[in-house]
C-alpha atoms as a PDB file:
ATOM      1  CA  MET A   1     -44.926   1.534-111.648  1.00  0.00           C
ATOM      2  CA  ARG A   2     -43.392   4.013-114.092  1.00  0.00           C
ATOM      3  CA  ILE A   3     -39.853   4.944-113.126  1.00  0.00           C
ATOM      4  CA  MET A   4     -38.155   5.628-116.439  1.00  0.00           C
ATOM      5  CA  SER A   5     -38.464   8.556-118.816  1.00  0.00           C
ATOM      6  CA  ASP A   6     -41.702   9.159-120.671  1.00  0.00           C
ATOM      7  CA  ASP A   7     -39.593   9.581-123.843  1.00  0.00           C
ATOM      8  CA  LYS A   8     -39.973   6.139-125.434  1.00  0.00           C
ATOM      9  CA  THR A   9     -36.774   6.370-127.476  1.00  0.00           C
ATOM     10  CA  VAL A  10     -34.653   7.263-124.454  1.00  0.00           C
ATOM     11  CA  ARG A  11     -36.330   4.646-122.270  1.00  0.00           C
ATOM     12  CA  ASP A  12     -35.919   1.966-124.924  1.00  0.00           C
ATOM     13  CA  GLY A  13     -32.240   2.860-125.314  1.00  0.00           C
ATOM     14  CA  PHE A  14     -31.544   2.444-121.618  1.00  0.00           C
ATOM     15  CA  LEU A  15     -33.572  -0.765-121.394  1.00  0.00           C
ATOM     16  CA  SER A  16     -31.844  -2.207-124.465  1.00  0.00           C
ATOM     17  CA  THR A  17     -28.464  -1.483-122.894  1.00  0.00           C
ATOM     18  CA  VAL A  18     -29.510  -3.163-119.642  1.00  0.00           C
ATOM     19  CA  VAL A  19     -30.839  -6.243-121.469  1.00  0.00           C
ATOM     20  CA  ASN A  20     -27.520  -6.506-123.347  1.00  0.00           C
ATOM     21  CA  GLN A  21     -25.531  -6.133-120.133  1.00  0.00           C
ATOM     22  CA  ILE A  22     -27.529  -8.949-118.529  1.00  0.00           C
ATOM     23  CA  ALA A  23     -27.221 -11.207-121.587  1.00  0.00           C
ATOM     24  CA  GLU A  24     -23.486 -10.607-121.955  1.00  0.00           C
ATOM     25  CA  GLY A  25     -22.709 -10.620-118.234  1.00  0.00           C
ATOM     26  CA  ASP A  26     -20.901  -7.296-118.550  1.00  0.00           C
ATOM     27  CA  PRO A  27     -20.850  -6.072-115.919  1.00  0.00           C
ATOM     28  CA  PRO A  28     -21.777  -9.281-114.082  1.00  0.00           C
ATOM     29  CA  GLU A  29     -23.454  -7.178-111.393  1.00  0.00           C
ATOM     30  CA  ALA A  30     -26.211  -6.265-113.872  1.00  0.00           C
ATOM     31  CA  LYS A  31     -27.371  -9.884-114.050  1.00  0.00           C
ATOM     32  CA  ASP A  32     -26.857 -10.350-110.304  1.00  0.00           C
ATOM     33  CA  THR A  33     -28.970  -7.260-109.614  1.00  0.00           C
ATOM     34  CA  TYR A  34     -31.668  -8.365-112.054  1.00  0.00           C
ATOM     35  CA  GLU A  35     -31.927 -11.781-110.395  1.00  0.00           C
ATOM     36  CA  ARG A  36     -31.897 -10.258-106.895  1.00  0.00           C
ATOM     37  CA  LEU A  37     -34.687  -7.806-107.718  1.00  0.00           C
ATOM     38  CA  LYS A  38     -36.825 -10.545-109.266  1.00  0.00           C
ATOM     39  CA  ALA A  39     -36.243 -12.720-106.176  1.00  0.00           C
ATOM     40  CA  GLN A  40     -37.503  -9.789-104.089  1.00  0.00           C
ATOM     41  CA  GLY A  41     -40.793  -9.957-105.973  1.00  0.00           C
ATOM     42  CA  LEU A  42     -40.349  -7.323-108.662  1.00  0.00           C
ATOM     43  CA  SER A  43     -41.533  -8.087-112.164  1.00  0.00           C
ATOM     44  CA  GLU A  44     -39.062  -8.491-115.019  1.00  0.00           C
ATOM     45  CA  GLY A  45     -40.056  -5.059-116.321  1.00  0.00           C
ATOM     46  CA  GLN A  46     -39.681  -3.387-112.934  1.00  0.00           C
ATOM     47  CA  ALA A  47     -36.241  -4.942-112.416  1.00  0.00           C
ATOM     48  CA  LEU A  48     -35.070  -3.826-115.864  1.00  0.00           C
ATOM     49  CA  GLN A  49     -36.413  -0.312-115.317  1.00  0.00           C
ATOM     50  CA  LEU A  50     -34.668   0.035-111.962  1.00  0.00           C
ATOM     51  CA  ILE A  51     -31.344  -1.049-113.417  1.00  0.00           C
ATOM     52  CA  GLY A  52     -31.977   1.331-116.313  1.00  0.00           C
ATOM     53  CA  LEU A  53     -32.559   4.098-113.808  1.00  0.00           C
ATOM     54  CA  ALA A  54     -29.195   3.368-112.162  1.00  0.00           C
ATOM     55  CA  LEU A  55     -27.563   3.501-115.606  1.00  0.00           C
ATOM     56  CA  LYS A  56     -29.329   6.767-116.410  1.00  0.00           C
ATOM     57  CA  LYS A  57     -28.263   8.264-113.083  1.00  0.00           C
ATOM     58  CA  GLU A  58     -24.593   7.414-113.714  1.00  0.00           C
ATOM     59  CA  MET A  59     -24.745   8.763-117.269  1.00  0.00           C
ATOM     60  CA  LYS A  60     -26.296  12.048-116.104  1.00  0.00           C
ATOM     61  CA  GLN A  61     -23.515  12.407-113.517  1.00  0.00           C
ATOM     62  CA  MET A  62     -20.904  11.587-116.152  1.00  0.00           C
ATOM     63  CA  ILE A  63     -22.204  14.382-118.385  1.00  0.00           C
ATOM     64  CA  ALA A  64     -22.549  16.848-115.507  1.00  0.00           C
ATOM     65  CA  GLU A  65     -18.946  16.236-114.436  1.00  0.00           C
ATOM     66  CA  SER A  66     -17.520  15.940-117.988  1.00  0.00           C
ATOM     67  CA  ARG A  67     -15.866  12.618-117.207  1.00  0.00           C
ATOM     68  CA  GLY A  68     -15.910   9.046-118.415  1.00  0.00           C
ATOM     69  CA  PHE A  69     -18.412   6.422-117.317  1.00  0.00           C
ATOM     70  CA  ASP A  70     -17.657   5.214-113.778  1.00  0.00           C
ATOM     71  CA  ASN A  71     -18.423   1.500-113.768  1.00  0.00           C
ATOM     72  CA  GLU A  72     -17.761   1.217-110.024  1.00  0.00           C
ATOM     73  CA  ARG A  73     -20.285   3.953-109.271  1.00  0.00           C
ATOM     74  CA  TYR A  74     -22.818   2.240-111.553  1.00  0.00           C
ATOM     75  CA  ILE A  75     -22.264  -1.037-109.708  1.00  0.00           C
ATOM     76  CA  ALA A  76     -22.673   0.732-106.352  1.00  0.00           C
ATOM     77  CA  LEU A  77     -25.966   2.236-107.566  1.00  0.00           C
ATOM     78  CA  MET A  78     -27.218  -1.206-108.645  1.00  0.00           C
ATOM     79  CA  LYS A  79     -26.308  -2.710-105.280  1.00  0.00           C
ATOM     80  CA  ARG A  80     -28.568  -0.169-103.544  1.00  0.00           C
ATOM     81  CA  LEU A  81     -31.614  -1.053-105.680  1.00  0.00           C
ATOM     82  CA  PRO A  82     -34.558  -1.039-105.275  1.00  0.00           C
ATOM     83  CA  GLU A  83     -33.686   2.081-103.243  1.00  0.00           C
ATOM     84  CA  ILE A  84     -32.466   4.937-105.405  1.00  0.00           C
ATOM     85  CA  ASP A  85     -32.278   8.620-104.680  1.00  0.00           C
END
């Protein structure tokens, strides 16, 4: 299951950010989402990639709209995982 970018540097950057968010509990929803996805049967890697995809989606929107990062939108995206459009 490959859901992140084929660019290793970009993918690693997003995954590193997600791992830090989970470890630091900021936002707490990152860890909650990670645990929920694993409980649903996804592997650790799949769960991290899905959260990374939600982060990537919010960052792309942030750039497209020339605005700051919207933490609430990011949290809403994580709550919809594993579904993402």
